[in-house]
Protein backbone atom coordinates (compact mmCIF):
# COMPACT_ATOMS: atom_id res chain seq x y z
CA MET A 1 11.42 14.40 -8.96
CA ASN A 2 9.10 15.05 -6.03
CA GLN A 3 6.29 16.77 -7.91
CA GLU A 4 3.13 14.73 -8.29
CA ILE A 5 2.49 14.32 -12.00
CA GLY A 6 -0.29 11.76 -12.14
CA PRO A 7 -3.72 11.21 -10.70
CA ARG A 8 -3.81 10.36 -7.02
CA ASP A 9 -6.63 7.89 -7.46
CA SER A 10 -4.71 5.67 -9.90
CA PRO A 11 -4.18 2.16 -8.51
CA TRP A 12 -1.32 1.51 -10.95
CA ASP A 13 2.35 1.85 -10.13
CA VAL A 14 3.07 4.41 -12.85
CA GLN A 15 6.71 5.00 -11.92
CA SER A 16 7.78 1.42 -12.56
CA ARG A 17 5.75 0.89 -15.73
CA GLY A 18 6.53 4.01 -17.75
CA TRP A 19 2.94 4.36 -18.87
CA ALA A 20 -0.11 5.79 -17.16
CA PRO A 21 -3.60 4.44 -17.71
CA ALA A 22 -6.13 7.24 -17.55
CA PRO A 23 -9.66 5.96 -16.94
CA PRO A 24 -12.19 8.76 -16.91
CA GLY A 25 -13.67 10.09 -13.74
CA LEU A 26 -16.59 12.02 -15.15
CA GLY A 27 -17.48 13.27 -11.69
CA LYS A 28 -14.23 15.20 -11.57
CA TYR A 29 -15.18 17.36 -14.57
CA ASN A 30 -17.40 20.06 -13.12
CA ASP A 31 -16.34 22.79 -15.52
CA ARG A 32 -13.82 23.53 -18.23
CA ASN A 33 -11.10 24.25 -15.66
CA ASP A 34 -11.30 20.60 -14.60
CA ALA A 35 -10.82 19.50 -18.21
CA ILE A 36 -7.86 21.86 -18.57
CA GLU A 37 -6.33 20.41 -15.40
CA GLN A 38 -6.62 16.93 -16.94
CA LEU A 39 -4.85 18.10 -20.09
CA GLU A 40 -2.10 19.69 -17.98
CA ARG A 41 -1.73 16.47 -15.96
CA ASP A 42 -1.38 14.50 -19.22
CA ARG A 43 1.25 16.97 -20.41
CA ARG A 44 3.23 16.64 -17.16
CA LEU A 45 3.17 12.85 -17.46
CA ARG A 46 4.31 12.99 -21.09
CA ASP A 47 6.98 15.58 -20.32
CA ALA A 48 8.29 13.17 -17.67
CA GLY A 49 8.53 10.46 -20.36
CA PHE A 50 5.37 8.49 -19.62
CA GLN A 51 2.82 7.26 -22.12
CA VAL A 52 -0.79 8.17 -21.26
CA VAL A 53 -3.47 5.66 -22.20
CA HIS A 54 -7.05 6.93 -22.11
CA PHE A 55 -10.11 4.69 -22.06
CA THR A 56 -13.69 4.83 -20.87
CA TRP A 57 -14.98 2.82 -17.93
CA LYS A 58 -17.02 0.66 -20.32
CA GLU A 59 -14.15 -0.25 -22.65
CA PRO A 60 -12.30 -2.73 -20.38
CA PHE A 61 -15.55 -4.66 -19.99
CA GLY A 62 -17.04 -4.24 -23.47
CA THR A 63 -13.94 -4.13 -25.65
CA PRO A 64 -10.99 -5.22 -23.51
CA GLU A 65 -8.96 -6.08 -26.61
CA LEU A 66 -9.14 -2.41 -27.65
CA VAL A 67 -7.80 -1.26 -24.27
CA LEU A 68 -5.04 -3.88 -24.34
CA SER A 69 -4.13 -2.83 -27.86
CA ARG A 70 -3.77 0.80 -26.77
CA ILE A 71 -1.64 -0.20 -23.79
CA ARG A 72 0.59 -2.42 -25.96
CA LYS A 73 1.05 0.42 -28.46
CA ALA A 74 1.95 2.81 -25.64
CA ILE A 75 4.52 0.38 -24.24
CA ALA A 76 6.05 -0.17 -27.69
CA THR A 77 6.24 3.52 -28.54
CA THR A 78 9.56 5.25 -27.99
CA THR A 79 8.18 8.77 -27.59
CA PRO A 80 5.45 9.94 -25.19
CA TYR A 81 3.86 12.22 -27.81
């Protein structure tokens, strides 16, 4: 598959992990079309079999256990939806 399905700014190696962390980039949401693009990107990742894990920028610093819990659940889940 040559189509890009995930965010370009993600520092994680999504292909080898099977899950895609999705920290917010509030600056990228200028209008509702930007939000729709994010939903479509999530759908493409899930359709390709990846889990998508959303979290805010504050959560890894304020509640890292919550972020880790979401990631662990995503890894343990057998379906991307």
